[in-house]
Amino acid sequence: MLSHLFLHVGLCNAIASAAPDTKIAMHVVMSYRVGGNEIDKTVTFDRGDDTQTVVELDVPRSLYLLQLDVPKYRCSTTDFVDVLGDQNRAIAETLNDGPKAPPPPVELFAGTAPLSFLYVKPTFVAFDKSVACDGPISQPIPTHLNVEYDQGAYYVWLYEDPTIAAHGPLTVALKLRTTTGLAHYVRLPIPFPTPWGGWPGSVQLNVTEDMIDGIATEKTDTLLCPKMWETSAG
C-alpha cells in the first residue's frame, strides 16, 4: 500500500529573497538503503509570498534517505524518514543555505497510535543499564530527540549526543504521563545506541487503546516490561 506524503519545505534565505514570480526547481530524491531510488524527480514551484512550499508524494512503506536540492540557489537538506504503510503523513523540512547538512538521527521510532496517545503526553527517555524491569527508574540520561504525531501515527528522531556516548549501552523507555502528573515508563527491548553504519536503526512500536488502558493501573516511576508491548527493528 502507498502512503501519501505532504512534504512541507521551509525556504532557505537565498530563495526567500527571490521575487514572488520566480520559478524554483527543486530536486527530490527518496532512496532505499539498498536497491536504488523510489523517488527521483525535479519539482517546480513559484516562490510566491509564503516561507514554505508543499510537495506531495506517494511512496510505499520503508525507511528512506530524503534529499532535497536546489542547485541554482545552493540550498539543500537531507533527512532520514520512516514511512508506515497506508498512513498519510506531513513531513516538515527546511532547506539550508550552503552545503552544510543537519546531523543524522541514530535511531528512528514509529508506529500507529490512537488519538488518546496524545493525552498521555508520550515521549522517549533513556536510562542507565542498571535500571531493571519492575525496579525504580533513575534520572534519565539527557537525549536529543524530535517527536511528531500525525493522523493516527507517531514518529521519533533520536540523535547522537556526547552524554549518550559516554554512558555506553542504555535502556530506552516510552514515557506516558498520568492525569495526576506522575508517569509510567515502558521499556523498549532494543539495543541503544545503534552503531552508526551510514543509516539509523529503525524500530516500529504500534500502540493501541488497550495498551494505554492496561498501563494506567500499573505502578508509576517504575520500569515496566509488559509482554504485550512488542517492537520490531529494521
C-alpha atoms as a PDB file:
ATOM      1  CA  MET A   1       0.000   0.000   0.000  1.00  0.00           C
ATOM      2  CA  LEU A   2       1.132   3.517  -0.762  1.00  0.00           C
ATOM      3  CA  SER A   3       1.301   6.317   1.775  1.00  0.00           C
ATOM      4  CA  HIS A   4       0.621   9.909   0.734  1.00  0.00           C
ATOM      5  CA  LEU A   5       3.202  12.408   1.943  1.00  0.00           C
ATOM      6  CA  PHE A   6       2.768  16.159   2.286  1.00  0.00           C
ATOM      7  CA  LEU A   7       6.311  17.491   2.291  1.00  0.00           C
ATOM      8  CA  HIS A   8       6.363  20.993   3.822  1.00  0.00           C
ATOM      9  CA  VAL A   9       9.648  22.566   2.742  1.00  0.00           C
ATOM     10  CA  GLY A  10      10.877  25.697   4.506  1.00  0.00           C
ATOM     11  CA  LEU A  11      12.705  28.014   2.088  1.00  0.00           C
ATOM     12  CA  CYS A  12      16.339  28.976   2.559  1.00  0.00           C
ATOM     13  CA  ASN A  13      17.343  32.648   2.683  1.00  0.00           C
ATOM     14  CA  ALA A  14      18.543  32.671  -0.929  1.00  0.00           C
ATOM     15  CA  ILE A  15      15.158  31.505  -2.243  1.00  0.00           C
ATOM     16  CA  ALA A  16      13.196  33.647   0.211  1.00  0.00           C
ATOM     17  CA  SER A  17      14.940  36.720  -1.242  1.00  0.00           C
ATOM     18  CA  ALA A  18      13.806  35.913  -4.790  1.00  0.00           C
ATOM     19  CA  ALA A  19      10.868  37.704  -6.443  1.00  0.00           C
ATOM     20  CA  PRO A  20       7.404  36.124  -5.845  1.00  0.00           C
ATOM     21  CA  ASP A  21       7.004  35.127  -9.511  1.00  0.00           C
ATOM     22  CA  THR A  22      10.373  33.315  -9.638  1.00  0.00           C
ATOM     23  CA  LYS A  23      10.218  29.664 -10.743  1.00  0.00           C
ATOM     24  CA  ILE A  24      12.149  27.384  -8.397  1.00  0.00           C
ATOM     25  CA  ALA A  25      13.342  23.919  -9.484  1.00  0.00           C
ATOM     26  CA  MET A  26      13.971  21.508  -6.592  1.00  0.00           C
ATOM     27  CA  HIS A  27      15.428  18.019  -6.999  1.00  0.00           C
ATOM     28  CA  VAL A  28      13.712  15.484  -4.705  1.00  0.00           C
ATOM     29  CA  VAL A  29      15.215  12.041  -4.051  1.00  0.00           C
ATOM     30  CA  MET A  30      13.911   9.345  -1.686  1.00  0.00           C
ATOM     31  CA  SER A  31      16.301   6.403  -1.712  1.00  0.00           C
ATOM     32  CA  TYR A  32      16.326   2.979  -0.073  1.00  0.00           C
ATOM     33  CA  ARG A  33      19.213   1.571   1.938  1.00  0.00           C
ATOM     34  CA  VAL A  34      19.693  -0.830  -0.978  1.00  0.00           C
ATOM     35  CA  GLY A  35      18.006  -1.074  -4.356  1.00  0.00           C
ATOM     36  CA  GLY A  36      18.096   2.465  -5.688  1.00  0.00           C
ATOM     37  CA  ASN A  37      15.554   5.287  -5.519  1.00  0.00           C
ATOM     38  CA  GLU A  38      11.796   5.256  -5.041  1.00  0.00           C
ATOM     39  CA  ILE A  39      11.523   8.960  -5.954  1.00  0.00           C
ATOM     40  CA  ASP A  40      13.969  10.852  -8.182  1.00  0.00           C
ATOM     41  CA  LYS A  41      12.334  13.884  -9.739  1.00  0.00           C
ATOM     42  CA  THR A  42      12.572  17.636 -10.120  1.00  0.00           C
ATOM     43  CA  VAL A  43       9.562  19.660  -8.997  1.00  0.00           C
ATOM     44  CA  THR A  44       8.985  23.281  -9.982  1.00  0.00           C
ATOM     45  CA  PHE A  45       7.087  25.828  -7.897  1.00  0.00           C
ATOM     46  CA  ASP A  46       6.575  29.595  -7.739  1.00  0.00           C
ATOM     47  CA  ARG A  47       8.462  31.418  -4.998  1.00  0.00           C
ATOM     48  CA  GLY A  48       5.192  33.114  -4.001  1.00  0.00           C
ATOM     49  CA  ASP A  49       4.751  35.024  -0.740  1.00  0.00           C
ATOM     50  CA  ASP A  50       4.937  32.103   1.713  1.00  0.00           C
ATOM     51  CA  THR A  51       8.001  30.943   3.647  1.00  0.00           C
ATOM     52  CA  GLN A  52       7.485  27.338   2.553  1.00  0.00           C
ATOM     53  CA  THR A  53       6.211  25.182  -0.284  1.00  0.00           C
ATOM     54  CA  VAL A  54       4.351  21.859  -0.243  1.00  0.00           C
ATOM     55  CA  VAL A  55       5.288  18.826  -2.358  1.00  0.00           C
ATOM     56  CA  GLU A  56       3.007  15.771  -2.462  1.00  0.00           C
ATOM     57  CA  LEU A  57       4.423  12.268  -2.972  1.00  0.00           C
ATOM     58  CA  ASP A  58       3.140   8.668  -2.898  1.00  0.00           C
ATOM     59  CA  VAL A  59       5.599   6.048  -1.622  1.00  0.00           C
ATOM     60  CA  PRO A  60       5.432   2.507  -0.189  1.00  0.00           C
ATOM     61  CA  ARG A  61       6.276   1.664   3.424  1.00  0.00           C
ATOM     62  CA  SER A  62      10.038   1.822   4.014  1.00  0.00           C
ATOM     63  CA  LEU A  63      12.894   3.692   5.632  1.00  0.00           C
ATOM     64  CA  TYR A  64      14.206   6.375   3.271  1.00  0.00           C
ATOM     65  CA  LEU A  65      17.030   8.840   2.882  1.00  0.00           C
ATOM     66  CA  LEU A  66      15.323  12.071   1.807  1.00  0.00           C
ATOM     67  CA  GLN A  67      17.434  14.545  -0.182  1.00  0.00           C
ATOM     68  CA  LEU A  68      16.257  17.986  -1.320  1.00  0.00           C
ATOM     69  CA  ASP A  69      18.479  20.128  -3.506  1.00  0.00           C
ATOM     70  CA  VAL A  70      18.042  23.476  -5.299  1.00  0.00           C
ATOM     71  CA  PRO A  71      21.349  23.757  -7.204  1.00  0.00           C
ATOM     72  CA  LYS A  72      20.725  27.246  -8.619  1.00  0.00           C
ATOM     73  CA  TYR A  73      20.479  28.723  -5.092  1.00  0.00           C
ATOM     74  CA  ARG A  74      22.898  26.274  -3.422  1.00  0.00           C
ATOM     75  CA  CYS A  75      20.238  25.239  -0.923  1.00  0.00           C
ATOM     76  CA  SER A  76      19.752  21.677   0.250  1.00  0.00           C
ATOM     77  CA  THR A  77      18.922  19.380   3.133  1.00  0.00           C
ATOM     78  CA  THR A  78      18.915  15.670   3.946  1.00  0.00           C
ATOM     79  CA  ASP A  79      16.982  13.595   6.459  1.00  0.00           C
ATOM     80  CA  PHE A  80      16.004  10.010   7.198  1.00  0.00           C
ATOM     81  CA  VAL A  81      12.264   9.343   7.304  1.00  0.00           C
ATOM     82  CA  ASP A  82      10.324   6.227   8.257  1.00  0.00           C
ATOM     83  CA  VAL A  83       7.111   5.812   6.245  1.00  0.00           C
ATOM     84  CA  LEU A  84       4.428   3.498   7.628  1.00  0.00           C
ATOM     85  CA  GLY A  85       2.137   1.598   5.300  1.00  0.00           C
ATOM     86  CA  ASP A  86      -1.227   3.173   4.413  1.00  0.00           C
ATOM     87  CA  GLN A  87      -0.591   6.283   6.551  1.00  0.00           C
ATOM     88  CA  ASN A  88      -0.899   9.812   5.169  1.00  0.00           C
ATOM     89  CA  ARG A  89       1.820  11.949   6.669  1.00  0.00           C
ATOM     90  CA  ALA A  90       3.050  15.541   6.799  1.00  0.00           C
ATOM     91  CA  ILE A  91       6.838  15.962   6.931  1.00  0.00           C
ATOM     92  CA  ALA A  92       8.488  19.317   7.674  1.00  0.00           C
ATOM     93  CA  GLU A  93      11.980  20.008   6.304  1.00  0.00           C
ATOM     94  CA  THR A  94      13.952  23.242   5.913  1.00  0.00           C
ATOM     95  CA  LEU A  95      16.415  23.986   3.127  1.00  0.00           C
ATOM     96  CA  ASN A  96      19.832  25.126   4.355  1.00  0.00           C
ATOM     97  CA  ASP A  97      21.895  27.879   2.739  1.00  0.00           C
ATOM     98  CA  GLY A  98      25.092  26.250   1.507  1.00  0.00           C
ATOM     99  CA  PRO A  99      26.184  22.612   1.610  1.00  0.00           C
ATOM    100  CA  LYS A 100      26.008  22.082   5.381  1.00  0.00           C
ATOM    101  CA  ALA A 101      23.730  19.138   6.245  1.00  0.00           C
ATOM    102  CA  PRO A 102      21.918  18.668   9.569  1.00  0.00           C
ATOM    103  CA  PRO A 103      23.189  15.842  11.818  1.00  0.00           C
ATOM    104  CA  PRO A 104      21.564  12.469  11.041  1.00  0.00           C
ATOM    105  CA  PRO A 105      19.462  10.618  13.631  1.00  0.00           C
ATOM    106  CA  VAL A 106      20.932   7.397  15.059  1.00  0.00           C
ATOM    107  CA  GLU A 107      17.535   5.802  15.699  1.00  0.00           C
ATOM    108  CA  LEU A 108      14.016   6.223  14.330  1.00  0.00           C
ATOM    109  CA  PHE A 109      10.875   5.119  16.176  1.00  0.00           C
ATOM    110  CA  ALA A 110       7.460   4.980  14.555  1.00  0.00           C
ATOM    111  CA  GLY A 111       4.105   3.288  14.972  1.00  0.00           C
ATOM    112  CA  THR A 112       0.368   3.636  14.697  1.00  0.00           C
ATOM    113  CA  ALA A 113      -1.418   5.115  17.716  1.00  0.00           C
ATOM    114  CA  PRO A 114      -4.916   6.302  18.681  1.00  0.00           C
ATOM    115  CA  LEU A 115      -5.743   9.936  19.424  1.00  0.00           C
ATOM    116  CA  SER A 116      -5.746   9.135  23.160  1.00  0.00           C
ATOM    117  CA  PHE A 117      -1.987   8.619  22.825  1.00  0.00           C
ATOM    118  CA  LEU A 118      -1.629  12.412  22.764  1.00  0.00           C
ATOM    119  CA  TYR A 119      -3.470  12.771  26.080  1.00  0.00           C
ATOM    120  CA  VAL A 120      -0.726  10.868  27.946  1.00  0.00           C
ATOM    121  CA  LYS A 121       1.954  13.213  26.510  1.00  0.00           C
ATOM    122  CA  PRO A 122       4.227  10.496  25.110  1.00  0.00           C
ATOM    123  CA  THR A 123       7.955  10.898  24.793  1.00  0.00           C
ATOM    124  CA  PHE A 124      11.019   8.665  24.900  1.00  0.00           C
ATOM    125  CA  VAL A 125      13.714   8.659  27.564  1.00  0.00           C
ATOM    126  CA  ALA A 126      16.961   6.765  28.133  1.00  0.00           C
ATOM    127  CA  PHE A 127      18.234   5.265  31.386  1.00  0.00           C
ATOM    128  CA  ASP A 128      21.481   3.719  32.531  1.00  0.00           C
ATOM    129  CA  LYS A 129      21.530  -0.083  32.036  1.00  0.00           C
ATOM    130  CA  SER A 130      21.430  -0.536  35.820  1.00  0.00           C
ATOM    131  CA  VAL A 131      17.678   0.251  35.754  1.00  0.00           C
ATOM    132  CA  ALA A 132      15.936  -3.154  35.796  1.00  0.00           C
ATOM    133  CA  CYS A 133      12.421  -4.333  34.943  1.00  0.00           C
ATOM    134  CA  ASP A 134       9.940  -3.639  37.761  1.00  0.00           C
ATOM    135  CA  GLY A 135      12.573  -1.558  39.529  1.00  0.00           C
ATOM    136  CA  PRO A 136      12.567   2.170  40.271  1.00  0.00           C
ATOM    137  CA  ILE A 137      13.673   4.478  37.487  1.00  0.00           C
ATOM    138  CA  SER A 138      16.735   6.707  37.849  1.00  0.00           C
ATOM    139  CA  GLN A 139      17.450  10.158  36.485  1.00  0.00           C
ATOM    140  CA  PRO A 140      17.044   9.969  32.673  1.00  0.00           C
ATOM    141  CA  ILE A 141      20.139  10.451  30.522  1.00  0.00           C
ATOM    142  CA  PRO A 142      19.738  13.721  28.533  1.00  0.00           C
ATOM    143  CA  THR A 143      18.798  12.962  24.927  1.00  0.00           C
ATOM    144  CA  HIS A 144      18.218  14.988  21.760  1.00  0.00           C
ATOM    145  CA  LEU A 145      15.030  13.887  20.041  1.00  0.00           C
ATOM    146  CA  ASN A 146      12.133  15.168  17.944  1.00  0.00           C
ATOM    147  CA  VAL A 147       8.618  13.726  18.296  1.00  0.00           C
ATOM    148  CA  GLU A 148       5.821  14.162  15.750  1.00  0.00           C
ATOM    149  CA  TYR A 149       2.217  12.886  15.831  1.00  0.00           C
ATOM    150  CA  ASP A 150       0.338  12.869  12.544  1.00  0.00           C
ATOM    151  CA  GLN A 151      -3.078  11.365  11.723  1.00  0.00           C
ATOM    152  CA  GLY A 152      -3.023   8.146  13.704  1.00  0.00           C
ATOM    153  CA  ALA A 153       0.730   7.559  13.899  1.00  0.00           C
ATOM    154  CA  TYR A 154       3.773   8.948  15.702  1.00  0.00           C
ATOM    155  CA  TYR A 155       7.371   9.426  14.552  1.00  0.00           C
ATOM    156  CA  VAL A 156      10.532   9.997  16.603  1.00  0.00           C
ATOM    157  CA  TRP A 157      14.039  11.047  15.540  1.00  0.00           C
ATOM    158  CA  LEU A 158      16.668  10.255  18.196  1.00  0.00           C
ATOM    159  CA  TYR A 159      20.091  11.860  17.708  1.00  0.00           C
ATOM    160  CA  GLU A 160      23.581  11.091  18.900  1.00  0.00           C
ATOM    161  CA  ASP A 161      24.714  13.031  21.951  1.00  0.00           C
ATOM    162  CA  PRO A 162      28.083  13.153  23.779  1.00  0.00           C
ATOM    163  CA  THR A 163      26.274  12.281  27.009  1.00  0.00           C
ATOM    164  CA  ILE A 164      24.818   9.131  25.459  1.00  0.00           C
ATOM    165  CA  ALA A 165      28.183   8.058  24.054  1.00  0.00           C
ATOM    166  CA  ALA A 166      29.809   8.476  27.477  1.00  0.00           C
ATOM    167  CA  HIS A 167      27.321   6.084  29.133  1.00  0.00           C
ATOM    168  CA  GLY A 168      27.556   3.236  26.630  1.00  0.00           C
ATOM    169  CA  PRO A 169      24.534   0.907  26.156  1.00  0.00           C
ATOM    170  CA  LEU A 170      21.310   2.424  27.509  1.00  0.00           C
ATOM    171  CA  THR A 171      17.754   1.335  28.203  1.00  0.00           C
ATOM    172  CA  VAL A 172      15.131   3.189  26.147  1.00  0.00           C
ATOM    173  CA  ALA A 173      11.616   3.627  27.535  1.00  0.00           C
ATOM    174  CA  LEU A 174       8.352   5.189  26.406  1.00  0.00           C
ATOM    175  CA  LYS A 175       7.210   7.736  28.996  1.00  0.00           C
ATOM    176  CA  LEU A 176       3.443   8.247  29.439  1.00  0.00           C
ATOM    177  CA  ARG A 177       2.037  10.904  31.774  1.00  0.00           C
ATOM    178  CA  THR A 178      -0.883  10.272  34.141  1.00  0.00           C
ATOM    179  CA  THR A 179      -3.669  12.743  34.944  1.00  0.00           C
ATOM    180  CA  THR A 180      -2.020  13.356  38.338  1.00  0.00           C
ATOM    181  CA  GLY A 181       1.306  14.410  36.832  1.00  0.00           C
ATOM    182  CA  LEU A 182       3.147  11.138  37.502  1.00  0.00           C
ATOM    183  CA  ALA A 183       4.491   8.907  34.738  1.00  0.00           C
ATOM    184  CA  HIS A 184       4.595   5.320  33.514  1.00  0.00           C
ATOM    185  CA  TYR A 185       7.734   4.032  31.786  1.00  0.00           C
ATOM    186  CA  VAL A 186       7.531   1.165  29.277  1.00  0.00           C
ATOM    187  CA  ARG A 187      10.834  -0.468  28.319  1.00  0.00           C
ATOM    188  CA  LEU A 188      11.608  -0.982  24.630  1.00  0.00           C
ATOM    189  CA  PRO A 189      13.663  -4.196  24.202  1.00  0.00           C
ATOM    190  CA  ILE A 190      16.115  -2.785  21.649  1.00  0.00           C
ATOM    191  CA  PRO A 191      19.878  -2.135  21.679  1.00  0.00           C
ATOM    192  CA  PHE A 192      20.749   1.545  22.005  1.00  0.00           C
ATOM    193  CA  PRO A 193      22.641   3.410  20.768  1.00  0.00           C
ATOM    194  CA  THR A 194      22.837   1.577  17.458  1.00  0.00           C
ATOM    195  CA  PRO A 195      26.359   1.631  15.940  1.00  0.00           C
ATOM    196  CA  TRP A 196      26.336   4.091  13.036  1.00  0.00           C
ATOM    197  CA  GLY A 197      26.712   2.336   9.704  1.00  0.00           C
ATOM    198  CA  GLY A 198      25.567   5.102   7.383  1.00  0.00           C
ATOM    199  CA  TRP A 199      21.882   4.572   8.227  1.00  0.00           C
ATOM    200  CA  PRO A 200      19.946   4.906  11.513  1.00  0.00           C
ATOM    201  CA  GLY A 201      18.288   1.989  13.237  1.00  0.00           C
ATOM    202  CA  SER A 202      14.526   1.711  12.742  1.00  0.00           C
ATOM    203  CA  VAL A 203      12.025   0.459  15.327  1.00  0.00           C
ATOM    204  CA  GLN A 204       8.255   0.091  14.968  1.00  0.00           C
ATOM    205  CA  LEU A 205       6.001   0.015  18.030  1.00  0.00           C
ATOM    206  CA  ASN A 206       2.260   0.175  17.366  1.00  0.00           C
ATOM    207  CA  VAL A 207       0.196   1.473  20.300  1.00  0.00           C
ATOM    208  CA  THR A 208      -3.466   0.546  20.908  1.00  0.00           C
ATOM    209  CA  GLU A 209      -6.189   1.788  23.247  1.00  0.00           C
ATOM    210  CA  ASP A 210      -5.926  -1.495  25.193  1.00  0.00           C
ATOM    211  CA  MET A 211      -2.215  -0.909  25.780  1.00  0.00           C
ATOM    212  CA  ILE A 212      -2.807   2.578  27.141  1.00  0.00           C
ATOM    213  CA  ASP A 213      -5.690   1.393  29.353  1.00  0.00           C
ATOM    214  CA  GLY A 214      -3.616  -1.524  30.640  1.00  0.00           C
ATOM    215  CA  ILE A 215      -0.695   0.676  31.660  1.00  0.00           C
ATOM    216  CA  ALA A 216      -2.972   3.108  33.527  1.00  0.00           C
ATOM    217  CA  THR A 217      -3.300   0.755  36.526  1.00  0.00           C
ATOM    218  CA  GLU A 218       0.414  -0.123  36.738  1.00  0.00           C
ATOM    219  CA  LYS A 219       2.979   1.347  39.122  1.00  0.00           C
ATOM    220  CA  THR A 220       4.401   4.779  38.287  1.00  0.00           C
ATOM    221  CA  ASP A 221       8.092   5.754  38.323  1.00  0.00           C
ATOM    222  CA  THR A 222       8.903   2.087  37.675  1.00  0.00           C
ATOM    223  CA  LEU A 223      10.434   0.459  34.587  1.00  0.00           C
ATOM    224  CA  LEU A 224       7.571  -1.637  33.218  1.00  0.00           C
ATOM    225  CA  CYS A 225       8.314  -4.525  30.836  1.00  0.00           C
ATOM    226  CA  PRO A 226       4.890  -5.794  29.677  1.00  0.00           C
ATOM    227  CA  LYS A 227       4.960  -8.597  27.113  1.00  0.00           C
ATOM    228  CA  MET A 228       2.030  -7.063  25.196  1.00  0.00           C
ATOM    229  CA  TRP A 229       4.251  -4.176  24.036  1.00  0.00           C
ATOM    230  CA  GLU A 230       6.145  -5.635  21.098  1.00  0.00           C
ATOM    231  CA  THR A 231       8.688  -3.861  18.917  1.00  0.00           C
ATOM    232  CA  SER A 232      10.110  -4.768  15.543  1.00  0.00           C
ATOM    233  CA  ALA A 233      13.501  -3.491  14.436  1.00  0.00           C
ATOM    234  CA  GLY A 234      14.689  -2.959  10.895  1.00  0.00           C
END
